[in-house]
Each structure stands twice: as C-alpha cells, then as structure tokens.
Amino acid sequence: MPKVKTKSGAKKRFKVTGTGKIKRKQAFKNHILTKKETKQKRNLTGTVVVSKADAKNVAIMLPYLV
C-alpha cells in the first residue's frame, strides 16, 4: 500500500505530547479582541488537550505522529 499523506493544515495546528495526547491552541483569541474582557483573553492563552471525541479524527489526519 502507498504511504498515507499527513494533512498539512493539521500538521501546523496540533502537537503530540510524550504520552500520546494531542494538544491544540484555544480558539477565539485572534481578532475582535477589544470587546473581550482581559480575563477571558488571558484564559484563552496556552494550549489544551483535544477532547476524546475529536482526538480520533485528528489522529486520522496525523497518521505518523500519533
């Protein structure tokens, strides 16, 4: 069988931890920031683990990283 290509968009957006979990950036922190409270913007900083429901779909997009 031929090799499976990695989705280049997913490659840029997700990282895999040492234990095999998938990390992602949080949404809603790119634009229209003036109407958002400072606390909300601060809490959106950093990365979170992809939910179990979405992890399967992300793993299909990253066949050699997960």
PDB file of N, CA and C in Angstrom:
ATOM      1  N   MET A   1       0.833  -1.200   0.000  1.00  0.00           N
ATOM      2  CA  MET A   1       0.000   0.000   0.000  1.00  0.00           C
ATOM      3  C   MET A   1       0.874   1.258   0.000  1.00  0.00           C
ATOM      4  N   PRO A   2       0.378   2.331  -0.611  1.00  0.00           N
ATOM      5  CA  PRO A   2       1.162   3.572  -0.610  1.00  0.00           C
ATOM      6  C   PRO A   2       1.125   4.235   0.757  1.00  0.00           C
ATOM      7  N   LYS A   3       2.062   5.149   0.941  1.00  0.00           N
ATOM      8  CA  LYS A   3       2.090   5.897   2.188  1.00  0.00           C
ATOM      9  C   LYS A   3       0.867   6.806   2.275  1.00  0.00           C
ATOM     10  N   VAL A   4       0.430   7.082   3.496  1.00  0.00           N
ATOM     11  CA  VAL A   4      -0.698   7.979   3.734  1.00  0.00           C
ATOM     12  C   VAL A   4      -0.132   9.370   3.982  1.00  0.00           C
ATOM     13  N   LYS A   5      -0.662  10.359   3.294  1.00  0.00           N
ATOM     14  CA  LYS A   5      -0.168  11.718   3.480  1.00  0.00           C
ATOM     15  C   LYS A   5      -0.754  12.335   4.745  1.00  0.00           C
ATOM     16  N   THR A   6       0.070  13.102   5.443  1.00  0.00           N
ATOM     17  CA  THR A   6      -0.368  13.883   6.586  1.00  0.00           C
ATOM     18  C   THR A   6      -1.063  15.137   6.074  1.00  0.00           C
ATOM     19  N   LYS A   7      -2.186  15.514   6.690  1.00  0.00           N
ATOM     20  CA  LYS A   7      -2.866  16.751   6.321  1.00  0.00           C
ATOM     21  C   LYS A   7      -2.006  17.922   6.771  1.00  0.00           C
ATOM     22  N   SER A   8      -1.606  18.774   5.845  1.00  0.00           N
ATOM     23  CA  SER A   8      -0.664  19.832   6.182  1.00  0.00           C
ATOM     24  C   SER A   8      -1.282  20.871   7.115  1.00  0.00           C
ATOM     25  N   GLY A   9      -2.604  21.065   7.030  1.00  0.00           N
ATOM     26  CA  GLY A   9      -3.253  22.002   7.947  1.00  0.00           C
ATOM     27  C   GLY A   9      -3.238  21.487   9.372  1.00  0.00           C
ATOM     28  N   ALA A  10      -3.446  20.184   9.533  1.00  0.00           N
ATOM     29  CA  ALA A  10      -3.423  19.579  10.865  1.00  0.00           C
ATOM     30  C   ALA A  10      -2.010  19.558  11.423  1.00  0.00           C
ATOM     31  N   LYS A  11      -1.048  19.361  10.555  1.00  0.00           N
ATOM     32  CA  LYS A  11       0.354  19.313  10.963  1.00  0.00           C
ATOM     33  C   LYS A  11       0.767  20.623  11.632  1.00  0.00           C
ATOM     34  N   LYS A  12       0.206  21.745  11.143  1.00  0.00           N
ATOM     35  CA  LYS A  12       0.544  23.055  11.684  1.00  0.00           C
ATOM     36  C   LYS A  12      -0.211  23.370  12.975  1.00  0.00           C
ATOM     37  N   ARG A  13      -1.366  22.733  13.194  1.00  0.00           N
ATOM     38  CA  ARG A  13      -2.246  23.117  14.297  1.00  0.00           C
ATOM     39  C   ARG A  13      -2.146  22.229  15.525  1.00  0.00           C
ATOM     40  N   PHE A  14      -1.631  21.014  15.391  1.00  0.00           N
ATOM     41  CA  PHE A  14      -1.641  20.071  16.504  1.00  0.00           C
ATOM     42  C   PHE A  14      -0.243  19.575  16.818  1.00  0.00           C
ATOM     43  N   LYS A  15      -0.002  19.312  18.104  1.00  0.00           N
ATOM     44  CA  LYS A  15       1.245  18.693  18.559  1.00  0.00           C
ATOM     45  C   LYS A  15       0.870  17.496  19.419  1.00  0.00           C
ATOM     46  N   VAL A  16       1.759  16.520  19.482  1.00  0.00           N
ATOM     47  CA  VAL A  16       1.504  15.319  20.262  1.00  0.00           C
ATOM     48  C   VAL A  16       2.410  15.339  21.490  1.00  0.00           C
ATOM     49  N   THR A  17       1.836  15.055  22.667  1.00  0.00           N
ATOM     50  CA  THR A  17       2.615  15.028  23.899  1.00  0.00           C
ATOM     51  C   THR A  17       3.386  13.716  23.993  1.00  0.00           C
ATOM     52  N   GLY A  18       4.229  13.611  24.983  1.00  0.00           N
ATOM     53  CA  GLY A  18       5.007  12.399  25.179  1.00  0.00           C
ATOM     54  C   GLY A  18       4.150  11.199  25.498  1.00  0.00           C
ATOM     55  N   THR A  19       2.994  11.425  26.108  1.00  0.00           N
ATOM     56  CA  THR A  19       2.097  10.322  26.455  1.00  0.00           C
ATOM     57  C   THR A  19       1.116   9.991  25.339  1.00  0.00           C
ATOM     58  N   GLY A  20       1.204  10.717  24.210  1.00  0.00           N
ATOM     59  CA  GLY A  20       0.354  10.404  23.067  1.00  0.00           C
ATOM     60  C   GLY A  20      -0.911  11.221  22.953  1.00  0.00           C
ATOM     61  N   LYS A  21      -1.130  12.163  23.869  1.00  0.00           N
ATOM     62  CA  LYS A  21      -2.299  13.029  23.758  1.00  0.00           C
ATOM     63  C   LYS A  21      -2.021  14.119  22.731  1.00  0.00           C
ATOM     64  N   ILE A  22      -3.085  14.694  22.183  1.00  0.00           N
ATOM     65  CA  ILE A  22      -2.954  15.719  21.152  1.00  0.00           C
ATOM     66  C   ILE A  22      -3.292  17.073  21.752  1.00  0.00           C
ATOM     67  N   LYS A  23      -2.395  18.049  21.561  1.00  0.00           N
ATOM     68  CA  LYS A  23      -2.591  19.394  22.073  1.00  0.00           C
ATOM     69  C   LYS A  23      -3.032  20.313  20.941  1.00  0.00           C
ATOM     70  N   ARG A  24      -3.781  21.374  21.315  1.00  0.00           N
ATOM     71  CA  ARG A  24      -4.215  22.376  20.340  1.00  0.00           C
ATOM     72  C   ARG A  24      -4.246  23.735  21.005  1.00  0.00           C
ATOM     73  N   LYS A  25      -4.229  24.786  20.189  1.00  0.00           N
ATOM     74  CA  LYS A  25      -4.412  26.128  20.705  1.00  0.00           C
ATOM     75  C   LYS A  25      -5.897  26.377  20.929  1.00  0.00           C
ATOM     76  N   GLN A  26      -6.208  27.323  21.814  1.00  0.00           N
ATOM     77  CA  GLN A  26      -7.609  27.648  22.060  1.00  0.00           C
ATOM     78  C   GLN A  26      -8.112  28.641  21.015  1.00  0.00           C
ATOM     79  N   ALA A  27      -9.373  28.536  20.700  1.00  0.00           N
ATOM     80  CA  ALA A  27      -9.999  29.410  19.705  1.00  0.00           C
ATOM     81  C   ALA A  27     -10.391  30.750  20.333  1.00  0.00           C
ATOM     82  N   PHE A  28     -10.841  31.667  19.503  1.00  0.00           N
ATOM     83  CA  PHE A  28     -11.395  32.979  19.899  1.00  0.00           C
ATOM     84  C   PHE A  28     -10.335  33.930  20.454  1.00  0.00           C
ATOM     85  N   LYS A  29      -9.083  33.808  20.016  1.00  0.00           N
ATOM     86  CA  LYS A  29      -8.051  34.726  20.500  1.00  0.00           C
ATOM     87  C   LYS A  29      -7.313  35.377  19.332  1.00  0.00           C
ATOM     88  N   ASN A  30      -7.933  35.472  18.165  1.00  0.00           N
ATOM     89  CA  ASN A  30      -7.233  36.020  17.011  1.00  0.00           C
ATOM     90  C   ASN A  30      -7.638  37.448  16.653  1.00  0.00           C
ATOM     91  N   HIS A  31      -8.909  37.757  16.673  1.00  0.00           N
ATOM     92  CA  HIS A  31      -9.327  39.103  16.289  1.00  0.00           C
ATOM     93  C   HIS A  31     -10.598  39.447  17.051  1.00  0.00           C
ATOM     94  N   ILE A  32     -11.032  40.695  16.909  1.00  0.00           N
ATOM     95  CA  ILE A  32     -12.161  41.261  17.669  1.00  0.00           C
ATOM     96  C   ILE A  32     -11.890  41.091  19.169  1.00  0.00           C
ATOM     97  N   LEU A  33     -10.707  41.519  19.586  1.00  0.00           N
ATOM     98  CA  LEU A  33     -10.305  41.336  20.979  1.00  0.00           C
ATOM     99  C   LEU A  33     -10.721  42.503  21.866  1.00  0.00           C
ATOM    100  N   THR A  34     -11.145  43.621  21.259  1.00  0.00           N
ATOM    101  CA  THR A  34     -11.471  44.788  22.072  1.00  0.00           C
ATOM    102  C   THR A  34     -12.717  44.581  22.916  1.00  0.00           C
ATOM    103  N   LYS A  35     -13.649  43.769  22.440  1.00  0.00           N
ATOM    104  CA  LYS A  35     -14.886  43.555  23.199  1.00  0.00           C
ATOM    105  C   LYS A  35     -14.763  42.442  24.237  1.00  0.00           C
ATOM    106  N   LYS A  36     -13.632  41.748  24.270  1.00  0.00           N
ATOM    107  CA  LYS A  36     -13.453  40.656  25.214  1.00  0.00           C
ATOM    108  C   LYS A  36     -12.725  41.150  26.461  1.00  0.00           C
ATOM    109  N   GLU A  37     -13.142  40.632  27.601  1.00  0.00           N
ATOM    110  CA  GLU A  37     -12.523  41.020  28.868  1.00  0.00           C
ATOM    111  C   GLU A  37     -11.083  40.513  28.928  1.00  0.00           C
ATOM    112  N   THR A  38     -10.277  41.219  29.698  1.00  0.00           N
ATOM    113  CA  THR A  38      -8.880  40.828  29.866  1.00  0.00           C
ATOM    114  C   THR A  38      -8.769  39.427  30.443  1.00  0.00           C
ATOM    115  N   LYS A  39      -9.644  39.105  31.382  1.00  0.00           N
ATOM    116  CA  LYS A  39      -9.630  37.771  31.997  1.00  0.00           C
ATOM    117  C   LYS A  39      -9.920  36.687  30.964  1.00  0.00           C
ATOM    118  N   GLN A  40     -10.879  36.942  30.075  1.00  0.00           N
ATOM    119  CA  GLN A  40     -11.216  35.963  29.045  1.00  0.00           C
ATOM    120  C   GLN A  40     -10.033  35.741  28.110  1.00  0.00           C
ATOM    121  N   LYS A  41      -9.381  36.841  27.689  1.00  0.00           N
ATOM    122  CA  LYS A  41      -8.240  36.717  26.786  1.00  0.00           C
ATOM    123  C   LYS A  41      -7.086  35.989  27.466  1.00  0.00           C
ATOM    124  N   ARG A  42      -6.869  36.249  28.721  1.00  0.00           N
ATOM    125  CA  ARG A  42      -5.801  35.586  29.472  1.00  0.00           C
ATOM    126  C   ARG A  42      -6.082  34.088  29.589  1.00  0.00           C
ATOM    127  N   ASN A  43      -7.329  33.716  29.845  1.00  0.00           N
ATOM    128  CA  ASN A  43      -7.680  32.309  29.993  1.00  0.00           C
ATOM    129  C   ASN A  43      -7.641  31.556  28.660  1.00  0.00           C
ATOM    130  N   LEU A  44      -7.701  32.263  27.544  1.00  0.00           N
ATOM    131  CA  LEU A  44      -7.611  31.618  26.236  1.00  0.00           C
ATOM    132  C   LEU A  44      -6.165  31.409  25.788  1.00  0.00           C
ATOM    133  N   THR A  45      -5.209  31.932  26.549  1.00  0.00           N
ATOM    134  CA  THR A  45      -3.801  31.764  26.221  1.00  0.00           C
ATOM    135  C   THR A  45      -3.376  30.336  26.545  1.00  0.00           C
ATOM    136  N   GLY A  46      -2.459  29.826  25.774  1.00  0.00           N
ATOM    137  CA  GLY A  46      -1.926  28.498  26.066  1.00  0.00           C
ATOM    138  C   GLY A  46      -2.619  27.411  25.282  1.00  0.00           C
ATOM    139  N   THR A  47      -2.241  26.180  25.603  1.00  0.00           N
ATOM    140  CA  THR A  47      -2.764  25.037  24.867  1.00  0.00           C
ATOM    141  C   THR A  47      -3.618  24.164  25.771  1.00  0.00           C
ATOM    142  N   VAL A  48      -4.486  23.384  25.152  1.00  0.00           N
ATOM    143  CA  VAL A  48      -5.327  22.426  25.867  1.00  0.00           C
ATOM    144  C   VAL A  48      -5.278  21.100  25.111  1.00  0.00           C
ATOM    145  N   VAL A  49      -5.696  20.041  25.763  1.00  0.00           N
ATOM    146  CA  VAL A  49      -5.728  18.722  25.143  1.00  0.00           C
ATOM    147  C   VAL A  49      -7.013  18.591  24.338  1.00  0.00           C
ATOM    148  N   VAL A  50      -6.906  18.010  23.161  1.00  0.00           N
ATOM    149  CA  VAL A  50      -8.074  17.781  22.301  1.00  0.00           C
ATOM    150  C   VAL A  50      -9.010  16.811  23.007  1.00  0.00           C
ATOM    151  N   SER A  51     -10.313  17.055  22.912  1.00  0.00           N
ATOM    152  CA  SER A  51     -11.285  16.189  23.569  1.00  0.00           C
ATOM    153  C   SER A  51     -11.240  14.789  22.979  1.00  0.00           C
ATOM    154  N   LYS A  52     -11.691  13.835  23.765  1.00  0.00           N
ATOM    155  CA  LYS A  52     -11.661  12.437  23.342  1.00  0.00           C
ATOM    156  C   LYS A  52     -12.500  12.215  22.085  1.00  0.00           C
ATOM    157  N   ALA A  53     -13.606  12.955  21.963  1.00  0.00           N
ATOM    158  CA  ALA A  53     -14.479  12.811  20.801  1.00  0.00           C
ATOM    159  C   ALA A  53     -13.787  13.261  19.515  1.00  0.00           C
ATOM    160  N   ASP A  54     -12.938  14.288  19.596  1.00  0.00           N
ATOM    161  CA  ASP A  54     -12.259  14.822  18.413  1.00  0.00           C
ATOM    162  C   ASP A  54     -10.905  14.175  18.166  1.00  0.00           C
ATOM    163  N   ALA A  55     -10.337  13.540  19.169  1.00  0.00           N
ATOM    164  CA  ALA A  55      -8.981  13.004  19.056  1.00  0.00           C
ATOM    165  C   ALA A  55      -8.872  11.951  17.960  1.00  0.00           C
ATOM    166  N   LYS A  56      -9.910  11.169  17.771  1.00  0.00           N
ATOM    167  CA  LYS A  56      -9.884  10.120  16.745  1.00  0.00           C
ATOM    168  C   LYS A  56      -9.771  10.730  15.356  1.00  0.00           C
ATOM    169  N   ASN A  57     -10.544  11.789  15.097  1.00  0.00           N
ATOM    170  CA  ASN A  57     -10.496  12.442  13.786  1.00  0.00           C
ATOM    171  C   ASN A  57      -9.154  13.115  13.544  1.00  0.00           C
ATOM    172  N   VAL A  58      -8.592  13.718  14.579  1.00  0.00           N
ATOM    173  CA  VAL A  58      -7.298  14.370  14.439  1.00  0.00           C
ATOM    174  C   VAL A  58      -6.213  13.328  14.181  1.00  0.00           C
ATOM    175  N   ALA A  59      -6.304  12.189  14.859  1.00  0.00           N
ATOM    176  CA  ALA A  59      -5.314  11.130  14.682  1.00  0.00           C
ATOM    177  C   ALA A  59      -5.322  10.588  13.255  1.00  0.00           C
ATOM    178  N   ILE A  60      -6.470  10.587  12.607  1.00  0.00           N
ATOM    179  CA  ILE A  60      -6.544  10.150  11.217  1.00  0.00           C
ATOM    180  C   ILE A  60      -5.805  11.145  10.318  1.00  0.00           C
ATOM    181  N   MET A  61      -5.865  12.431  10.649  1.00  0.00           N
ATOM    182  CA  MET A  61      -5.186  13.441   9.857  1.00  0.00           C
ATOM    183  C   MET A  61      -3.676  13.427  10.076  1.00  0.00           C
ATOM    184  N   LEU A  62      -3.223  12.876  11.216  1.00  0.00           N
ATOM    185  CA  LEU A  62      -1.802  12.828  11.543  1.00  0.00           C
ATOM    186  C   LEU A  62      -1.362  11.361  11.689  1.00  0.00           C
ATOM    187  N   PRO A  63      -1.293  10.618  10.598  1.00  0.00           N
ATOM    188  CA  PRO A  63      -1.091   9.173  10.714  1.00  0.00           C
ATOM    189  C   PRO A  63       0.256   8.764  11.300  1.00  0.00           C
ATOM    190  N   TYR A  64       1.306   9.569  11.163  1.00  0.00           N
ATOM    191  CA  TYR A  64       2.632   9.151  11.620  1.00  0.00           C
ATOM    192  C   TYR A  64       3.061   9.826  12.913  1.00  0.00           C
ATOM    193  N   LEU A  65       2.232  10.714  13.430  1.00  0.00           N
ATOM    194  CA  LEU A  65       2.599  11.428  14.654  1.00  0.00           C
ATOM    195  C   LEU A  65       1.922  10.845  15.888  1.00  0.00           C
ATOM    196  N   VAL A  66       0.797  10.166  15.712  1.00  0.00           N
ATOM    197  CA  VAL A  66       0.053   9.665  16.855  1.00  0.00           C
ATOM    198  C   VAL A  66       0.321   8.181  17.028  1.00  0.00           C
TER     199      VAL A  66
END
